């Protein structure tokens, strides 16, 4: 069961998204299909827009009188919420790469981390802050602490935990990503004994 089904299932909000995945709809059309009021649909749409699940996709004029009806659809990038395939697919891909290219797996993973990175500018502290923001955007939850040598990023959970559990080398993808973002030396010291694994990265300029 994917994240979406676990959190919304057959609720009204979940049914709205299920309808919008099949095509754009207006508030009136959603209300008619669901058998609820327009105001109830608007309240759910507002919440779904705030969460980045639904977005305005266009408008349509029905007849010649009145304002065009606003049309809603699933927001760009929201498809990942509906799929449970990403984590096991990544884990299987990394395992296959490690099996076929055991001497190159680390280089391949670092290359992937490099592709994901957007080098940041600013002070060292600002770049470390950007690195924490990147981890958060990727689904992690991390805190940063200042150390005598620089900074330490400690994650609560791991955005790549599913793959890391089977192939610990996967951590070097994140290590490279953070090194590129900060322009600093990053050392991975993750706690893989925890379930799920917890990220720990030390950063020194």
N, C-alpha and C. Protein backbone atom coordinates (compact mmCIF):
# COMPACT_ATOMS: atom_id res chain seq x y z
N UNK A 1 0.84 -1.19 0.00
CA UNK A 1 0.00 0.00 0.00
C UNK A 1 0.88 1.25 0.00
N UNK A 2 0.61 2.20 -0.91
CA UNK A 2 1.41 3.40 -1.02
C UNK A 2 1.04 4.43 0.03
N UNK A 3 1.88 5.51 0.10
CA UNK A 3 1.68 6.57 1.08
C UNK A 3 0.28 7.16 0.95
N UNK A 4 -0.16 7.40 -0.28
CA UNK A 4 -1.46 8.05 -0.48
C UNK A 4 -2.60 7.21 0.09
N UNK A 5 -2.60 5.92 -0.21
CA UNK A 5 -3.68 5.06 0.28
C UNK A 5 -3.68 4.97 1.80
N UNK A 6 -2.48 4.93 2.40
CA UNK A 6 -2.38 4.84 3.85
C UNK A 6 -2.97 6.07 4.53
N UNK A 7 -2.77 7.24 3.94
CA UNK A 7 -3.19 8.48 4.58
C UNK A 7 -4.61 8.92 4.21
N UNK A 8 -5.06 8.59 3.00
CA UNK A 8 -6.34 9.12 2.55
C UNK A 8 -7.36 8.06 2.15
N UNK A 9 -6.87 6.90 1.68
CA UNK A 9 -7.76 5.79 1.36
C UNK A 9 -8.96 6.21 0.55
N UNK A 10 -10.17 5.88 1.05
CA UNK A 10 -11.41 6.17 0.34
C UNK A 10 -12.09 7.41 0.90
N UNK A 11 -11.32 8.31 1.53
CA UNK A 11 -11.89 9.56 2.04
C UNK A 11 -12.32 10.44 0.86
N UNK A 12 -13.06 11.50 1.18
CA UNK A 12 -13.49 12.42 0.12
C UNK A 12 -12.29 13.02 -0.60
N UNK A 13 -11.27 13.37 0.17
CA UNK A 13 -10.07 13.94 -0.44
C UNK A 13 -9.39 12.93 -1.36
N UNK A 14 -9.34 11.69 -0.92
CA UNK A 14 -8.75 10.65 -1.74
C UNK A 14 -9.55 10.41 -3.00
N UNK A 15 -10.88 10.48 -2.90
CA UNK A 15 -11.73 10.28 -4.08
C UNK A 15 -11.58 11.43 -5.07
N UNK A 16 -11.41 12.66 -4.55
CA UNK A 16 -11.18 13.80 -5.44
C UNK A 16 -9.92 13.58 -6.27
N UNK A 17 -8.86 13.18 -5.61
CA UNK A 17 -7.60 12.95 -6.33
C UNK A 17 -7.75 11.81 -7.33
N UNK A 18 -8.46 10.76 -6.94
CA UNK A 18 -8.67 9.63 -7.86
C UNK A 18 -9.38 10.09 -9.13
N UNK A 19 -10.35 10.99 -8.99
CA UNK A 19 -11.07 11.52 -10.15
C UNK A 19 -10.14 12.38 -11.00
N UNK A 20 -9.36 13.24 -10.34
CA UNK A 20 -8.48 14.15 -11.08
C UNK A 20 -7.34 13.42 -11.79
N UNK A 21 -6.98 12.26 -11.31
CA UNK A 21 -5.96 11.47 -12.00
C UNK A 21 -6.46 10.99 -13.36
N UNK A 22 -7.76 11.00 -13.55
CA UNK A 22 -8.37 10.56 -14.81
C UNK A 22 -8.66 11.72 -15.76
N UNK A 23 -8.46 12.94 -15.28
CA UNK A 23 -8.68 14.09 -16.15
C UNK A 23 -9.05 15.33 -15.37
N UNK A 24 -8.95 16.48 -16.00
CA UNK A 24 -9.26 17.75 -15.35
C UNK A 24 -10.74 17.85 -15.05
N UNK A 25 -11.06 18.48 -13.92
CA UNK A 25 -12.45 18.65 -13.52
C UNK A 25 -12.63 20.01 -12.85
N UNK A 26 -13.86 20.53 -12.94
CA UNK A 26 -14.21 21.75 -12.22
C UNK A 26 -14.78 21.38 -10.86
N UNK A 27 -14.93 22.39 -10.00
CA UNK A 27 -15.52 22.15 -8.69
C UNK A 27 -16.93 21.60 -8.83
N UNK A 28 -17.72 22.17 -9.75
CA UNK A 28 -19.10 21.70 -9.95
C UNK A 28 -19.12 20.23 -10.36
N UNK A 29 -18.22 19.85 -11.26
CA UNK A 29 -18.18 18.46 -11.72
C UNK A 29 -17.79 17.52 -10.59
N UNK A 30 -16.81 17.92 -9.78
CA UNK A 30 -16.41 17.09 -8.65
C UNK A 30 -17.54 16.95 -7.65
N UNK A 31 -18.22 18.05 -7.37
CA UNK A 31 -19.32 18.02 -6.40
C UNK A 31 -20.43 17.10 -6.90
N UNK A 32 -20.76 17.18 -8.19
CA UNK A 32 -21.80 16.33 -8.74
C UNK A 32 -21.44 14.86 -8.69
N UNK A 33 -20.20 14.54 -9.00
CA UNK A 33 -19.76 13.15 -8.98
C UNK A 33 -19.74 12.58 -7.57
N UNK A 34 -19.32 13.40 -6.61
CA UNK A 34 -19.17 12.93 -5.23
C UNK A 34 -20.45 13.05 -4.43
N UNK A 35 -21.39 13.85 -4.89
CA UNK A 35 -22.63 14.04 -4.14
C UNK A 35 -22.44 14.90 -2.91
N UNK A 36 -21.55 15.89 -2.99
CA UNK A 36 -21.32 16.82 -1.88
C UNK A 36 -21.49 18.24 -2.40
N UNK A 37 -21.43 19.22 -1.49
CA UNK A 37 -21.61 20.61 -1.89
C UNK A 37 -20.35 21.17 -2.55
N UNK A 38 -20.55 22.25 -3.31
CA UNK A 38 -19.41 22.94 -3.91
C UNK A 38 -18.43 23.43 -2.85
N UNK A 39 -18.97 23.97 -1.75
CA UNK A 39 -18.11 24.49 -0.69
C UNK A 39 -17.25 23.40 -0.06
N UNK A 40 -17.81 22.21 0.08
CA UNK A 40 -17.04 21.10 0.64
C UNK A 40 -15.88 20.74 -0.29
N UNK A 41 -16.15 20.71 -1.60
CA UNK A 41 -15.10 20.41 -2.57
C UNK A 41 -14.03 21.49 -2.54
N UNK A 42 -14.44 22.76 -2.45
CA UNK A 42 -13.45 23.85 -2.43
C UNK A 42 -12.53 23.74 -1.23
N UNK A 43 -13.09 23.35 -0.07
CA UNK A 43 -12.26 23.21 1.12
C UNK A 43 -11.20 22.13 0.94
N UNK A 44 -11.61 21.00 0.35
CA UNK A 44 -10.65 19.92 0.10
C UNK A 44 -9.62 20.33 -0.94
N UNK A 45 -10.07 21.03 -2.00
CA UNK A 45 -9.15 21.48 -3.05
C UNK A 45 -8.10 22.43 -2.48
N UNK A 46 -8.54 23.33 -1.60
CA UNK A 46 -7.60 24.28 -0.98
C UNK A 46 -6.52 23.53 -0.21
N UNK A 47 -6.92 22.52 0.56
CA UNK A 47 -5.94 21.74 1.33
C UNK A 47 -5.01 20.96 0.41
N UNK A 48 -5.55 20.40 -0.66
CA UNK A 48 -4.73 19.62 -1.59
C UNK A 48 -3.76 20.52 -2.36
N UNK A 49 -4.19 21.74 -2.68
CA UNK A 49 -3.28 22.69 -3.33
C UNK A 49 -2.14 23.06 -2.38
N UNK A 50 -2.46 23.29 -1.13
CA UNK A 50 -1.45 23.64 -0.13
C UNK A 50 -0.41 22.54 0.02
N UNK A 51 -0.84 21.27 -0.10
CA UNK A 51 0.06 20.13 0.04
C UNK A 51 0.79 19.79 -1.25
N UNK A 52 0.51 20.55 -2.32
CA UNK A 52 1.20 20.31 -3.58
C UNK A 52 0.70 19.10 -4.35
N UNK A 53 -0.51 18.65 -4.05
CA UNK A 53 -1.07 17.47 -4.72
C UNK A 53 -1.92 17.86 -5.91
N UNK A 54 -2.64 18.95 -5.80
CA UNK A 54 -3.57 19.41 -6.84
C UNK A 54 -3.19 20.82 -7.25
N UNK A 55 -3.42 21.15 -8.51
CA UNK A 55 -3.11 22.50 -9.01
C UNK A 55 -4.12 22.89 -10.07
N UNK A 56 -4.27 24.20 -10.27
CA UNK A 56 -5.10 24.70 -11.37
C UNK A 56 -4.43 24.34 -12.69
N UNK A 57 -5.18 23.76 -13.59
CA UNK A 57 -4.60 23.29 -14.85
C UNK A 57 -5.18 24.01 -16.07
N UNK A 58 -6.22 24.82 -15.86
CA UNK A 58 -6.81 25.52 -16.99
C UNK A 58 -8.19 26.04 -16.64
N UNK A 59 -8.94 26.42 -17.66
CA UNK A 59 -10.31 26.90 -17.46
C UNK A 59 -11.13 26.49 -18.67
N UNK A 60 -12.46 26.54 -18.47
CA UNK A 60 -13.35 26.14 -19.57
C UNK A 60 -14.62 26.96 -19.44
N UNK A 61 -15.08 27.50 -20.55
CA UNK A 61 -16.33 28.26 -20.55
C UNK A 61 -17.47 27.36 -21.02
N UNK A 62 -18.46 27.22 -20.16
CA UNK A 62 -19.65 26.45 -20.50
C UNK A 62 -20.76 27.44 -20.84
N UNK A 63 -21.06 27.59 -22.12
CA UNK A 63 -22.06 28.56 -22.53
C UNK A 63 -21.43 29.94 -22.71
N UNK A 64 -22.27 30.97 -22.74
CA UNK A 64 -21.80 32.32 -23.02
C UNK A 64 -21.97 33.26 -21.84
N UNK A 65 -22.54 32.76 -20.74
CA UNK A 65 -22.82 33.61 -19.58
C UNK A 65 -21.94 33.20 -18.41
N UNK A 66 -21.46 34.19 -17.67
CA UNK A 66 -20.71 33.90 -16.46
C UNK A 66 -19.22 33.71 -16.70
N UNK A 67 -18.51 33.55 -15.59
CA UNK A 67 -17.05 33.37 -15.66
C UNK A 67 -16.71 31.95 -16.10
N UNK A 68 -15.54 31.77 -16.76
CA UNK A 68 -15.10 30.40 -17.10
C UNK A 68 -14.88 29.58 -15.83
N UNK A 69 -15.15 28.31 -15.92
CA UNK A 69 -14.95 27.41 -14.78
C UNK A 69 -13.47 27.06 -14.66
N UNK A 70 -12.93 27.17 -13.45
CA UNK A 70 -11.54 26.78 -13.20
C UNK A 70 -11.44 25.26 -13.18
N UNK A 71 -10.44 24.73 -13.84
CA UNK A 71 -10.24 23.29 -13.90
C UNK A 71 -9.04 22.91 -13.04
N UNK A 72 -9.17 21.78 -12.37
CA UNK A 72 -8.11 21.29 -11.49
C UNK A 72 -7.61 19.93 -11.97
N UNK A 73 -6.34 19.68 -11.67
CA UNK A 73 -5.74 18.38 -11.99
C UNK A 73 -4.65 18.06 -10.99
N UNK A 74 -4.04 16.90 -11.15
CA UNK A 74 -2.94 16.51 -10.27
C UNK A 74 -1.73 17.37 -10.58
N UNK A 75 -1.09 17.91 -9.55
CA UNK A 75 0.06 18.80 -9.72
C UNK A 75 1.26 18.06 -10.29
N UNK A 76 2.09 18.78 -11.03
CA UNK A 76 3.33 18.20 -11.54
C UNK A 76 4.18 17.71 -10.37
N UNK A 77 4.72 16.52 -10.49
CA UNK A 77 5.59 15.97 -9.46
C UNK A 77 4.87 15.21 -8.36
N UNK A 78 3.51 15.28 -8.35
CA UNK A 78 2.77 14.61 -7.28
C UNK A 78 2.61 13.11 -7.52
N UNK A 79 2.93 12.65 -8.72
CA UNK A 79 2.74 11.22 -9.03
C UNK A 79 3.52 10.31 -8.10
N UNK A 80 4.64 10.80 -7.56
CA UNK A 80 5.43 9.96 -6.66
C UNK A 80 4.66 9.59 -5.39
N UNK A 81 3.65 10.39 -5.03
CA UNK A 81 2.86 10.10 -3.84
C UNK A 81 2.00 8.87 -4.02
N UNK A 82 1.69 8.54 -5.26
CA UNK A 82 0.74 7.46 -5.53
C UNK A 82 1.42 6.12 -5.80
N UNK A 83 2.74 6.13 -5.89
CA UNK A 83 3.46 4.91 -6.24
C UNK A 83 4.29 4.41 -5.07
N UNK A 84 4.27 3.11 -4.88
CA UNK A 84 5.13 2.48 -3.88
C UNK A 84 6.30 1.76 -4.54
N UNK A 85 6.53 2.05 -5.83
CA UNK A 85 7.54 1.32 -6.59
C UNK A 85 8.94 1.92 -6.48
N UNK A 86 9.04 3.21 -6.12
CA UNK A 86 10.33 3.88 -6.20
C UNK A 86 11.38 3.28 -5.29
N UNK A 87 11.03 3.06 -4.02
CA UNK A 87 12.02 2.53 -3.07
C UNK A 87 12.50 1.13 -3.45
N UNK A 88 11.59 0.16 -3.68
CA UNK A 88 12.09 -1.16 -4.05
C UNK A 88 12.76 -1.18 -5.42
N UNK A 89 12.32 -0.33 -6.34
CA UNK A 89 12.96 -0.28 -7.66
C UNK A 89 14.38 0.23 -7.55
N UNK A 90 14.60 1.29 -6.73
CA UNK A 90 15.95 1.80 -6.52
C UNK A 90 16.82 0.74 -5.86
N UNK A 91 16.29 0.07 -4.85
CA UNK A 91 17.04 -0.97 -4.16
C UNK A 91 17.45 -2.08 -5.11
N UNK A 92 16.51 -2.50 -5.97
CA UNK A 92 16.80 -3.57 -6.93
C UNK A 92 17.83 -3.11 -7.96
N UNK A 93 17.73 -1.85 -8.39
CA UNK A 93 18.67 -1.32 -9.38
C UNK A 93 20.08 -1.25 -8.81
N UNK A 94 20.21 -0.74 -7.57
CA UNK A 94 21.53 -0.66 -6.96
C UNK A 94 22.12 -2.05 -6.74
N UNK A 95 21.27 -3.00 -6.33
CA UNK A 95 21.75 -4.37 -6.14
C UNK A 95 22.23 -4.97 -7.46
N UNK A 96 21.50 -4.70 -8.54
CA UNK A 96 21.89 -5.22 -9.86
C UNK A 96 23.20 -4.59 -10.34
N UNK A 97 23.34 -3.29 -10.12
CA UNK A 97 24.58 -2.62 -10.51
C UNK A 97 25.76 -3.18 -9.72
N UNK A 98 25.55 -3.42 -8.42
CA UNK A 98 26.62 -3.98 -7.60
C UNK A 98 27.00 -5.38 -8.02
N UNK A 99 26.02 -6.13 -8.49
CA UNK A 99 26.28 -7.50 -8.94
C UNK A 99 27.04 -7.52 -10.27
N UNK A 100 26.65 -6.64 -11.18
CA UNK A 100 27.27 -6.63 -12.51
C UNK A 100 28.60 -5.87 -12.53
N UNK A 101 28.67 -4.79 -11.74
CA UNK A 101 29.86 -3.94 -11.78
C UNK A 101 30.39 -3.71 -10.36
N UNK A 102 30.85 -4.76 -9.70
CA UNK A 102 31.28 -4.63 -8.31
C UNK A 102 32.42 -3.63 -8.10
N UNK A 103 33.27 -3.46 -9.11
CA UNK A 103 34.39 -2.55 -8.97
C UNK A 103 34.04 -1.10 -9.34
N UNK A 104 32.85 -0.92 -9.89
CA UNK A 104 32.47 0.41 -10.35
C UNK A 104 31.26 0.98 -9.63
N UNK A 105 30.65 0.21 -8.73
CA UNK A 105 29.40 0.64 -8.11
C UNK A 105 29.55 1.97 -7.37
N UNK A 106 30.66 2.15 -6.64
CA UNK A 106 30.82 3.40 -5.91
C UNK A 106 30.94 4.58 -6.86
N UNK A 107 31.70 4.41 -7.93
CA UNK A 107 31.86 5.48 -8.91
C UNK A 107 30.52 5.83 -9.56
N UNK A 108 29.72 4.80 -9.86
CA UNK A 108 28.41 5.03 -10.47
C UNK A 108 27.48 5.79 -9.52
N UNK A 109 27.51 5.41 -8.25
CA UNK A 109 26.65 6.08 -7.27
C UNK A 109 27.09 7.52 -7.06
N UNK A 110 28.40 7.75 -7.03
CA UNK A 110 28.88 9.12 -6.88
C UNK A 110 28.50 9.96 -8.10
N UNK A 111 28.53 9.34 -9.26
CA UNK A 111 28.09 10.05 -10.46
C UNK A 111 26.63 10.45 -10.38
N UNK A 112 25.81 9.57 -9.81
CA UNK A 112 24.39 9.89 -9.63
C UNK A 112 24.22 11.04 -8.65
N UNK A 113 25.01 11.03 -7.56
CA UNK A 113 24.95 12.11 -6.60
C UNK A 113 25.36 13.44 -7.22
N UNK A 114 26.36 13.39 -8.07
CA UNK A 114 26.83 14.59 -8.76
C UNK A 114 25.73 15.15 -9.67
N UNK A 115 25.01 14.27 -10.34
CA UNK A 115 23.93 14.71 -11.23
C UNK A 115 22.79 15.39 -10.46
N UNK A 116 22.56 14.92 -9.23
CA UNK A 116 21.48 15.47 -8.43
C UNK A 116 21.81 16.84 -7.83
N UNK A 117 23.09 17.14 -7.73
CA UNK A 117 23.52 18.33 -6.99
C UNK A 117 23.42 19.60 -7.82
N UNK A 118 23.07 20.66 -7.14
CA UNK A 118 23.16 22.01 -7.70
C UNK A 118 24.09 22.79 -6.78
N UNK A 119 25.32 23.05 -7.20
CA UNK A 119 26.27 23.75 -6.33
C UNK A 119 25.69 25.06 -5.82
N UNK A 120 25.81 25.27 -4.52
CA UNK A 120 25.26 26.47 -3.91
C UNK A 120 26.35 27.53 -3.73
N UNK A 121 25.91 28.77 -3.52
CA UNK A 121 26.84 29.86 -3.26
C UNK A 121 26.57 30.39 -1.87
N UNK A 122 27.39 31.33 -1.44
CA UNK A 122 27.21 31.91 -0.12
C UNK A 122 28.32 31.48 0.82
N UNK A 123 28.14 31.82 2.09
CA UNK A 123 29.13 31.46 3.10
C UNK A 123 29.10 29.96 3.34
N UNK A 124 30.10 29.47 4.06
CA UNK A 124 30.15 28.05 4.40
C UNK A 124 28.89 27.64 5.17
N UNK A 125 28.50 28.44 6.15
CA UNK A 125 27.30 28.12 6.94
C UNK A 125 26.05 28.10 6.06
N UNK A 126 25.95 29.03 5.12
CA UNK A 126 24.79 29.06 4.22
C UNK A 126 24.76 27.84 3.32
N UNK A 127 25.93 27.42 2.86
CA UNK A 127 25.97 26.23 2.00
C UNK A 127 25.60 24.96 2.77
N UNK A 128 26.00 24.90 4.04
CA UNK A 128 25.60 23.76 4.87
C UNK A 128 24.09 23.78 5.07
N UNK A 129 23.53 24.97 5.27
CA UNK A 129 22.08 25.09 5.38
C UNK A 129 21.37 24.62 4.12
N UNK A 130 21.96 24.92 2.96
CA UNK A 130 21.40 24.45 1.70
C UNK A 130 21.44 22.92 1.62
N UNK A 131 22.50 22.33 2.15
CA UNK A 131 22.63 20.88 2.14
C UNK A 131 21.53 20.23 2.98
N UNK A 132 21.24 20.82 4.14
CA UNK A 132 20.16 20.31 4.97
C UNK A 132 18.82 20.43 4.24
N UNK A 133 18.64 21.56 3.54
CA UNK A 133 17.40 21.76 2.78
C UNK A 133 17.25 20.71 1.68
N UNK A 134 18.36 20.35 1.03
CA UNK A 134 18.32 19.32 -0.01
C UNK A 134 17.89 17.98 0.58
N UNK A 135 18.45 17.61 1.73
CA UNK A 135 18.06 16.36 2.37
C UNK A 135 16.58 16.36 2.71
N UNK A 136 16.07 17.49 3.17
CA UNK A 136 14.65 17.59 3.51
C UNK A 136 13.79 17.45 2.26
N UNK A 137 14.18 18.10 1.19
CA UNK A 137 13.42 18.02 -0.06
C UNK A 137 13.38 16.59 -0.59
N UNK A 138 14.43 15.83 -0.34
CA UNK A 138 14.48 14.44 -0.82
C UNK A 138 13.74 13.47 0.11
N UNK A 139 13.17 13.98 1.18
CA UNK A 139 12.37 13.12 2.05
C UNK A 139 13.02 12.79 3.37
N UNK A 140 14.17 13.37 3.65
CA UNK A 140 14.84 13.13 4.92
C UNK A 140 14.40 14.13 5.97
N UNK A 141 14.88 13.96 7.16
CA UNK A 141 14.62 14.90 8.26
C UNK A 141 15.94 15.01 9.02
N UNK A 142 16.55 16.17 8.98
CA UNK A 142 17.91 16.29 9.50
C UNK A 142 18.08 17.53 10.36
N UNK A 143 19.01 17.44 11.31
CA UNK A 143 19.44 18.57 12.13
C UNK A 143 20.92 18.83 11.84
N UNK A 144 21.35 20.06 12.05
CA UNK A 144 22.75 20.39 11.84
C UNK A 144 23.33 20.93 13.14
N UNK A 145 24.56 20.53 13.44
CA UNK A 145 25.26 20.98 14.64
C UNK A 145 26.63 21.51 14.23
N UNK A 146 27.05 22.58 14.88
CA UNK A 146 28.40 23.09 14.62
C UNK A 146 29.39 22.28 15.45
N UNK A 147 30.54 21.95 14.85
CA UNK A 147 31.59 21.19 15.52
C UNK A 147 32.90 21.97 15.45
N UNK A 148 33.91 21.55 16.19
CA UNK A 148 35.20 22.27 16.12
C UNK A 148 35.78 22.32 14.71
N UNK A 149 35.48 21.31 13.89
CA UNK A 149 36.05 21.25 12.54
C UNK A 149 35.10 21.74 11.46
N UNK A 150 33.85 22.02 11.80
CA UNK A 150 32.89 22.44 10.79
C UNK A 150 31.47 22.21 11.25
N UNK A 151 30.80 21.25 10.60
CA UNK A 151 29.41 20.97 10.93
C UNK A 151 29.16 19.46 10.86
N UNK A 152 28.09 19.04 11.53
CA UNK A 152 27.64 17.65 11.46
C UNK A 152 26.15 17.65 11.16
N UNK A 153 25.78 16.92 10.13
CA UNK A 153 24.37 16.76 9.78
C UNK A 153 23.93 15.38 10.26
N UNK A 154 22.91 15.37 11.10
CA UNK A 154 22.39 14.11 11.64
C UNK A 154 20.95 13.93 11.17
N UNK A 155 20.72 12.84 10.46
CA UNK A 155 19.40 12.57 9.94
C UNK A 155 18.58 11.70 10.88
N UNK A 156 17.29 11.88 10.83
CA UNK A 156 16.37 11.03 11.58
C UNK A 156 15.65 10.17 10.54
N UNK A 157 16.20 9.00 10.31
CA UNK A 157 15.75 8.20 9.18
C UNK A 157 16.68 8.45 8.00
N UNK A 158 16.35 7.88 6.86
CA UNK A 158 17.21 7.98 5.67
C UNK A 158 16.33 7.97 4.43
N UNK A 159 16.53 8.96 3.56
CA UNK A 159 15.74 9.05 2.33
C UNK A 159 15.99 7.86 1.41
N UNK A 160 17.17 7.23 1.53
CA UNK A 160 17.51 6.08 0.68
C UNK A 160 17.62 4.80 1.52
N UNK A 161 16.95 4.79 2.67
CA UNK A 161 17.10 3.69 3.62
C UNK A 161 16.83 2.32 3.05
N UNK A 162 15.86 2.22 2.15
CA UNK A 162 15.51 0.92 1.56
C UNK A 162 16.69 0.33 0.81
N UNK A 163 17.37 1.18 0.02
CA UNK A 163 18.52 0.70 -0.75
C UNK A 163 19.75 0.53 0.13
N UNK A 164 19.92 1.42 1.12
CA UNK A 164 21.09 1.34 2.00
C UNK A 164 21.10 0.04 2.79
N UNK A 165 19.93 -0.43 3.17
CA UNK A 165 19.85 -1.66 3.96
C UNK A 165 20.45 -2.85 3.22
N UNK A 166 20.31 -2.87 1.90
CA UNK A 166 20.84 -3.99 1.12
C UNK A 166 22.21 -3.70 0.51
N UNK A 167 22.48 -2.42 0.21
CA UNK A 167 23.77 -2.03 -0.37
C UNK A 167 24.27 -0.78 0.35
N UNK A 168 25.07 -0.93 1.41
CA UNK A 168 25.54 0.22 2.20
C UNK A 168 26.28 1.27 1.36
N UNK A 169 26.83 0.85 0.23
CA UNK A 169 27.55 1.81 -0.62
C UNK A 169 26.65 2.95 -1.10
N UNK A 170 25.34 2.74 -1.05
CA UNK A 170 24.42 3.76 -1.52
C UNK A 170 24.64 5.09 -0.81
N UNK A 171 25.17 5.03 0.43
CA UNK A 171 25.42 6.26 1.19
C UNK A 171 26.37 7.20 0.47
N UNK A 172 27.26 6.66 -0.37
CA UNK A 172 28.23 7.54 -1.04
C UNK A 172 27.53 8.43 -2.07
N UNK A 173 26.34 8.06 -2.53
CA UNK A 173 25.58 8.93 -3.42
C UNK A 173 25.24 10.23 -2.69
N UNK A 174 24.74 10.10 -1.44
CA UNK A 174 24.40 11.28 -0.66
C UNK A 174 25.65 12.05 -0.25
N UNK A 175 26.73 11.34 0.04
CA UNK A 175 27.98 11.99 0.40
C UNK A 175 28.45 12.89 -0.73
N UNK A 176 28.41 12.38 -1.95
CA UNK A 176 28.84 13.18 -3.11
C UNK A 176 27.90 14.35 -3.34
N UNK A 177 26.61 14.12 -3.20
CA UNK A 177 25.62 15.18 -3.38
C UNK A 177 25.90 16.33 -2.42
N UNK A 178 26.11 16.01 -1.14
CA UNK A 178 26.35 17.04 -0.14
C UNK A 178 27.70 17.74 -0.37
N UNK A 179 28.69 16.99 -0.83
CA UNK A 179 30.00 17.59 -1.12
C UNK A 179 29.88 18.62 -2.25
N UNK A 180 29.10 18.29 -3.26
CA UNK A 180 28.92 19.22 -4.38
C UNK A 180 28.12 20.45 -3.96
N UNK A 181 27.11 20.25 -3.14
CA UNK A 181 26.27 21.37 -2.71
C UNK A 181 27.06 22.32 -1.82
N UNK A 182 27.87 21.77 -0.93
CA UNK A 182 28.60 22.62 0.02
C UNK A 182 29.95 23.08 -0.49
N UNK A 183 30.51 22.39 -1.48
CA UNK A 183 31.85 22.70 -1.94
C UNK A 183 32.88 22.44 -0.86
N UNK A 184 32.60 21.45 0.01
CA UNK A 184 33.45 21.16 1.15
C UNK A 184 33.74 19.66 1.21
N UNK A 185 34.57 19.28 2.17
CA UNK A 185 34.86 17.87 2.38
C UNK A 185 33.77 17.24 3.24
N UNK A 186 33.13 16.21 2.74
CA UNK A 186 32.04 15.55 3.45
C UNK A 186 32.43 14.10 3.73
N UNK A 187 32.24 13.67 4.98
CA UNK A 187 32.52 12.29 5.37
C UNK A 187 31.23 11.64 5.85
N UNK A 188 30.92 10.52 5.25
CA UNK A 188 29.73 9.76 5.66
C UNK A 188 30.06 8.90 6.86
N UNK A 189 29.28 9.00 7.93
CA UNK A 189 29.47 8.19 9.13
C UNK A 189 28.10 7.67 9.60
N UNK A 190 27.32 7.15 8.67
CA UNK A 190 25.93 6.79 8.94
C UNK A 190 25.80 5.63 9.92
N UNK A 191 24.70 5.65 10.67
CA UNK A 191 24.38 4.60 11.63
C UNK A 191 23.47 3.58 10.93
N UNK A 192 24.11 2.55 10.37
CA UNK A 192 23.34 1.53 9.65
C UNK A 192 22.81 0.45 10.58
N UNK A 193 23.22 0.48 11.84
CA UNK A 193 22.72 -0.49 12.80
C UNK A 193 21.31 -0.16 13.25
N UNK A 194 20.88 1.07 12.97
CA UNK A 194 19.53 1.48 13.34
C UNK A 194 18.56 1.09 12.22
N UNK A 195 17.32 0.83 12.59
CA UNK A 195 16.31 0.48 11.58
C UNK A 195 15.17 1.49 11.65
N UNK A 196 15.00 2.38 10.64
CA UNK A 196 15.81 2.47 9.43
C UNK A 196 17.15 3.13 9.69
N UNK A 197 18.09 3.02 8.73
CA UNK A 197 19.40 3.65 8.92
C UNK A 197 19.26 5.16 9.15
N UNK A 198 20.21 5.72 9.90
CA UNK A 198 20.21 7.16 10.17
C UNK A 198 21.45 7.79 9.55
N UNK A 199 21.22 8.89 8.82
CA UNK A 199 22.32 9.55 8.13
C UNK A 199 23.14 10.39 9.11
N UNK A 200 24.46 10.33 8.98
CA UNK A 200 25.37 11.21 9.71
C UNK A 200 26.47 11.62 8.74
N UNK A 201 26.62 12.93 8.53
CA UNK A 201 27.65 13.44 7.64
C UNK A 201 28.40 14.57 8.34
N UNK A 202 29.73 14.48 8.35
CA UNK A 202 30.56 15.56 8.88
C UNK A 202 31.05 16.39 7.69
N UNK A 203 31.07 17.71 7.89
CA UNK A 203 31.41 18.62 6.80
C UNK A 203 32.50 19.58 7.30
N UNK A 204 33.60 19.60 6.60
CA UNK A 204 34.68 20.52 6.95
C UNK A 204 35.09 21.29 5.71
N UNK A 205 35.36 22.56 5.89
CA UNK A 205 35.66 23.43 4.74
C UNK A 205 37.09 23.21 4.27
